[in-house]
Amino acid sequence: MASIARVPLAVETRAPGGETNAYAIGERGGVLLDPAARSPGLDSLADAREVAHVLVTHTHPDHVGSVAEYASHTDATAWAHADHRDRFVHATGIEPDRVFEDGTELGAGNGDLTVLETPGHAPDHVSLATEEGILVGDLAVATGSVAITAGEGHVGNYLDSLRQLREMSPEKLFPAHGSVIDDPDETLKRLIEHRLEREQRVLAAVRDGARDLGAITDAAYEKDVSSVRDLAEGTVAAHIEQLARDGEVTWNGERAEPV
């Protein structure tokens, strides 16, 4: 088995709880995933397991904070996405030793892992499939939802990634934020339905006469989103972009019209 160990790390993040999970996969010579910050606990785990590879699910700031330190501390191979090498360098400050792509297999001591392309939350987002389950980064969370915001996010790709994982029927999901997910099918179904419901609310808002981003956001959310207004508007903008790709609306970045 891959022997997956989780270490929550306090970081600056918009995710509830203020932590990002780092993972060590494999008992010896394995992988350190998403080392967002340095901690004594993660130091001990990385040393005990003689980590040989360091990589991230994606290069958002709350995932990459100590990639350079742990690559140096463990003398591990630093990996980057082959199509997004520049993003990795910009985010981590180091050049990768090697690059991965969809289907790349990495040794993880007592169990291998396979890279899965799972874009949507970010263009460079990947997940890692192991015998114990799938490490999903910001693709899924046990409670709540994942932010898919215009610029970095792509709703269509995100839904495709969720469906891809659901078809794989994993035993568990290991997310970057929050607890391990023991009911993958139900969680992935919930996240898909949530995103489709939000899409329909955005479309209904446009069809009912809302035109600018602020008005559409107000109509698309039933709850008060004033404390997370930027994320709400970013999410709505991502949905409008998807609706425009699907031919349901037109959108010039400022004004939406129904088709």
Protein backbone atom coordinates (compact mmCIF):
# COMPACT_ATOMS: atom_id res chain seq x y z
CA MET A 1 0.00 0.00 0.00
CA ALA A 2 1.08 3.55 -0.57
CA SER A 3 0.91 4.47 3.14
CA ILE A 4 -0.43 8.01 2.95
CA ALA A 5 0.25 10.36 5.87
CA ARG A 6 -1.42 13.78 6.18
CA VAL A 7 0.06 16.83 7.92
CA PRO A 8 -2.17 19.94 8.14
CA LEU A 9 -0.11 23.14 7.86
CA ALA A 10 -1.20 26.61 8.94
CA VAL A 11 -0.92 28.92 5.93
CA GLU A 12 -2.52 32.03 4.48
CA THR A 13 -5.43 30.57 2.53
CA ARG A 14 -9.03 31.38 1.74
CA ALA A 15 -9.98 27.79 2.51
CA PRO A 16 -11.96 27.28 5.73
CA GLY A 17 -9.75 26.28 8.63
CA GLY A 18 -6.69 28.17 7.44
CA GLU A 19 -4.70 25.01 6.68
CA THR A 20 -3.33 23.14 3.68
CA ASN A 21 -2.68 19.41 3.94
CA ALA A 22 0.75 18.16 2.98
CA TYR A 23 0.99 14.45 2.28
CA ALA A 24 3.80 11.93 2.40
CA ILE A 25 3.15 8.91 0.20
CA GLY A 26 5.24 5.75 0.62
CA GLU A 27 7.27 4.49 3.56
CA ARG A 28 10.71 4.93 1.98
CA GLY A 29 11.83 6.92 -1.04
CA GLY A 30 8.36 8.26 -1.64
CA VAL A 31 6.63 11.53 -2.46
CA LEU A 32 6.05 14.74 -0.52
CA LEU A 33 2.98 16.50 -1.91
CA ASP A 34 1.94 20.15 -1.40
CA PRO A 35 4.46 21.21 1.28
CA ALA A 36 2.80 24.58 1.82
CA ALA A 37 4.84 25.48 4.92
CA ARG A 38 7.69 24.17 7.04
CA SER A 39 6.87 22.42 10.30
CA PRO A 40 8.73 20.16 12.74
CA GLY A 41 6.14 17.44 12.17
CA LEU A 42 6.59 17.53 8.41
CA ASP A 43 10.37 17.66 8.83
CA SER A 44 10.27 14.48 10.92
CA LEU A 45 7.97 12.72 8.49
CA ALA A 46 10.03 13.68 5.44
CA ASP A 47 13.22 12.51 7.16
CA ALA A 48 11.75 9.27 8.47
CA ARG A 49 10.40 8.35 5.06
CA GLU A 50 13.50 9.49 3.17
CA VAL A 51 11.41 11.48 0.71
CA ALA A 52 12.74 11.23 -2.85
CA HIS A 53 10.23 13.36 -4.78
CA VAL A 54 8.57 16.73 -4.12
CA LEU A 55 5.63 18.00 -6.16
CA VAL A 56 2.42 20.00 -5.92
CA THR A 57 -1.12 19.45 -7.13
CA HIS A 58 -1.06 23.01 -8.51
CA THR A 59 0.90 26.20 -8.00
CA HIS A 60 -1.51 28.38 -6.01
CA PRO A 61 0.31 30.23 -3.20
CA ASP A 62 -1.24 28.18 -0.39
CA HIS A 63 0.34 24.99 -1.77
CA VAL A 64 3.91 25.89 -2.68
CA GLY A 65 5.37 27.82 0.26
CA SER A 66 8.08 25.32 1.25
CA VAL A 67 8.67 23.38 -1.94
CA ALA A 68 12.16 24.85 -2.33
CA GLU A 69 13.06 24.22 1.31
CA TYR A 70 11.97 20.59 1.30
CA ALA A 71 13.54 19.87 -2.06
CA SER A 72 16.81 21.14 -0.58
CA HIS A 73 16.34 19.60 2.87
CA THR A 74 15.61 16.11 1.51
CA ASP A 75 17.71 16.35 -1.66
CA ALA A 76 14.57 15.17 -3.42
CA THR A 77 13.70 15.47 -7.09
CA ALA A 78 11.47 18.51 -7.66
CA TRP A 79 8.76 17.87 -10.25
CA ALA A 80 6.68 20.34 -12.27
CA HIS A 81 3.85 20.04 -14.76
CA ALA A 82 5.37 19.72 -18.23
CA ASP A 83 2.94 22.26 -19.71
CA HIS A 84 3.22 24.73 -16.84
CA ARG A 85 6.89 24.76 -15.95
CA ASP A 86 7.02 28.57 -15.89
CA ARG A 87 4.19 28.69 -13.35
CA PHE A 88 6.14 26.34 -11.10
CA VAL A 89 9.32 28.38 -11.34
CA HIS A 90 7.46 31.62 -10.64
CA ALA A 91 5.58 30.13 -7.69
CA THR A 92 8.43 28.23 -6.02
CA GLY A 93 11.53 30.16 -7.03
CA ILE A 94 13.33 27.01 -8.20
CA GLU A 95 13.78 25.15 -11.44
CA PRO A 96 12.26 21.67 -11.53
CA ASP A 97 14.52 18.66 -11.88
CA ARG A 98 11.95 16.76 -13.90
CA VAL A 99 8.49 17.27 -15.39
CA PHE A 100 5.35 15.14 -15.35
CA GLU A 101 2.28 14.84 -17.55
CA ASP A 102 -0.95 12.88 -17.49
CA GLY A 103 -0.12 9.23 -16.83
CA THR A 104 3.37 9.78 -15.42
CA GLU A 105 4.13 7.14 -12.78
CA LEU A 106 6.28 7.87 -9.75
CA GLY A 107 7.68 5.37 -7.29
CA ALA A 108 6.33 5.86 -3.79
CA GLY A 109 8.16 3.26 -1.77
CA ASN A 110 5.60 0.56 -1.07
CA GLY A 111 3.15 1.72 -3.69
CA ASP A 112 3.23 3.57 -6.97
CA LEU A 113 1.24 6.63 -7.88
CA THR A 114 0.02 7.94 -11.21
CA VAL A 115 -0.47 11.56 -12.21
CA LEU A 116 -3.97 12.46 -13.41
CA GLU A 117 -4.73 15.68 -15.27
CA THR A 118 -7.61 17.28 -13.36
CA PRO A 119 -7.81 20.95 -14.43
CA GLY A 120 -10.64 23.28 -13.54
CA HIS A 121 -9.73 24.83 -10.21
CA ALA A 122 -6.45 25.83 -11.83
CA PRO A 123 -5.08 25.15 -15.32
CA ASP A 124 -2.13 23.15 -13.95
CA HIS A 125 -4.11 21.11 -11.42
CA VAL A 126 -3.34 17.40 -11.14
CA SER A 127 -4.36 14.58 -8.83
CA LEU A 128 -2.39 11.49 -7.82
CA ALA A 129 -3.91 8.03 -7.99
CA THR A 130 -2.67 5.38 -5.52
CA GLU A 131 -3.85 2.00 -4.26
CA GLU A 132 -5.35 3.67 -1.17
CA GLY A 133 -7.25 6.39 -3.02
CA ILE A 134 -6.71 9.60 -4.93
CA LEU A 135 -4.95 12.71 -3.65
CA VAL A 136 -7.14 15.43 -5.12
CA GLY A 137 -5.63 18.78 -4.12
CA ASP A 138 -8.33 21.43 -4.48
CA LEU A 139 -10.58 19.33 -6.69
CA ALA A 140 -12.82 18.18 -3.84
CA VAL A 141 -13.61 18.87 -0.18
CA ALA A 142 -15.58 16.88 2.37
CA THR A 143 -17.91 19.77 3.17
CA GLY A 144 -18.72 22.97 1.31
CA SER A 145 -17.56 23.60 -2.24
CA VAL A 146 -14.45 24.45 -4.24
CA ALA A 147 -13.88 27.95 -5.60
CA ILE A 148 -13.80 28.01 -9.40
CA THR A 149 -13.05 31.62 -10.29
CA ALA A 150 -12.61 33.38 -13.62
CA GLY A 151 -9.01 33.70 -14.72
CA GLU A 152 -7.67 30.58 -13.04
CA GLY A 153 -10.82 28.48 -13.08
CA HIS A 154 -12.71 26.73 -15.87
CA VAL A 155 -16.11 25.31 -14.94
CA GLY A 156 -16.34 22.86 -17.84
CA ASN A 157 -12.92 21.39 -17.14
CA TYR A 158 -13.71 21.20 -13.43
CA LEU A 159 -16.89 19.22 -14.05
CA ASP A 160 -15.04 16.91 -16.43
CA SER A 161 -12.38 16.31 -13.75
CA LEU A 162 -14.99 15.47 -11.12
CA ARG A 163 -16.70 13.05 -13.49
CA GLN A 164 -13.37 11.44 -14.40
CA LEU A 165 -12.64 10.71 -10.75
CA ARG A 166 -16.15 9.46 -10.11
CA GLU A 167 -15.79 6.95 -12.95
CA MET A 168 -12.63 5.63 -11.27
CA SER A 169 -14.59 4.70 -8.11
CA PRO A 170 -11.77 5.44 -5.64
CA GLU A 171 -11.98 4.12 -2.08
CA LYS A 172 -10.97 7.46 -0.56
CA LEU A 173 -10.11 11.02 -1.56
CA PHE A 174 -7.31 12.92 0.14
CA PRO A 175 -7.99 16.66 -0.27
CA ALA A 176 -5.65 19.60 0.25
CA HIS A 177 -8.08 21.20 2.70
CA GLY A 178 -10.05 19.47 5.41
CA SER A 179 -10.54 15.85 6.36
CA VAL A 180 -10.09 12.70 4.30
CA ILE A 181 -13.18 11.89 2.23
CA ASP A 182 -14.52 8.39 2.95
CA ASP A 183 -17.55 8.67 0.64
CA PRO A 184 -15.98 9.70 -2.69
CA ASP A 185 -18.97 8.92 -4.90
CA GLU A 186 -21.42 10.91 -2.80
CA THR A 187 -18.99 13.81 -2.40
CA LEU A 188 -18.19 14.01 -6.11
CA LYS A 189 -21.87 13.75 -6.98
CA ARG A 190 -22.65 16.56 -4.52
CA LEU A 191 -19.94 18.81 -5.98
CA ILE A 192 -21.14 18.19 -9.55
CA GLU A 193 -24.74 18.92 -8.62
CA HIS A 194 -23.72 22.06 -6.71
CA ARG A 195 -21.81 23.42 -9.69
CA LEU A 196 -24.67 22.65 -12.12
CA GLU A 197 -27.18 24.26 -9.78
CA ARG A 198 -25.06 27.39 -9.56
CA GLU A 199 -24.83 27.45 -13.35
CA GLN A 200 -28.60 27.33 -13.66
CA ARG A 201 -29.02 30.14 -11.13
CA VAL A 202 -26.57 32.30 -13.09
CA LEU A 203 -28.35 31.53 -16.35
CA ALA A 204 -31.73 32.31 -14.79
CA ALA A 205 -30.39 35.63 -13.50
CA VAL A 206 -29.29 36.66 -16.98
CA ARG A 207 -32.56 35.53 -18.53
CA ASP A 208 -34.44 37.52 -15.87
CA GLY A 209 -32.64 40.72 -16.81
CA ALA A 210 -29.44 40.90 -14.76
CA ARG A 211 -26.65 42.11 -17.00
CA ASP A 212 -23.52 43.15 -15.09
CA LEU A 213 -21.47 40.93 -12.78
CA GLY A 214 -22.71 42.54 -9.59
CA ALA A 215 -26.38 42.18 -10.45
CA ILE A 216 -25.95 38.60 -11.64
CA THR A 217 -24.10 37.69 -8.43
CA ASP A 218 -26.83 39.22 -6.29
CA ALA A 219 -29.45 37.18 -8.12
CA ALA A 220 -27.45 33.93 -8.20
CA TYR A 221 -26.86 33.69 -4.44
CA GLU A 222 -29.61 33.36 -1.86
CA LYS A 223 -27.26 33.92 1.08
CA ASP A 224 -25.25 37.01 2.07
CA VAL A 225 -21.85 36.81 0.33
CA SER A 226 -20.56 40.24 1.35
CA SER A 227 -17.67 38.72 3.33
CA VAL A 228 -16.51 36.74 0.29
CA ARG A 229 -17.75 39.06 -2.44
CA ASP A 230 -14.62 38.72 -4.58
CA LEU A 231 -14.85 34.92 -4.59
CA ALA A 232 -18.58 35.02 -5.32
CA GLU A 233 -18.15 37.38 -8.24
CA GLY A 234 -15.17 35.39 -9.51
CA THR A 235 -17.26 32.23 -9.37
CA VAL A 236 -20.17 33.84 -11.18
CA ALA A 237 -17.83 35.19 -13.84
CA ALA A 238 -16.44 31.69 -14.39
CA HIS A 239 -19.98 30.38 -14.83
CA ILE A 240 -20.85 33.16 -17.26
CA GLU A 241 -17.74 32.29 -19.27
CA GLN A 242 -18.85 28.65 -19.39
CA LEU A 243 -22.39 29.61 -20.39
CA ALA A 244 -20.89 31.73 -23.18
CA ARG A 245 -18.80 28.77 -24.35
CA ASP A 246 -21.97 26.67 -24.33
CA GLY A 247 -23.81 29.27 -26.41
CA GLU A 248 -26.36 30.11 -23.69
CA VAL A 249 -25.31 33.75 -23.24
CA THR A 250 -23.04 36.35 -24.75
CA TRP A 251 -20.46 38.00 -22.50
CA ASN A 252 -17.94 40.77 -23.24
CA GLY A 253 -16.42 40.81 -19.77
CA GLU A 254 -18.82 43.45 -18.52
CA ARG A 255 -22.28 42.67 -19.83
CA ALA A 256 -24.15 39.41 -20.32
CA GLU A 257 -27.08 38.87 -22.67
CA PRO A 258 -29.21 35.74 -23.11
CA VAL A 259 -29.03 34.01 -26.48
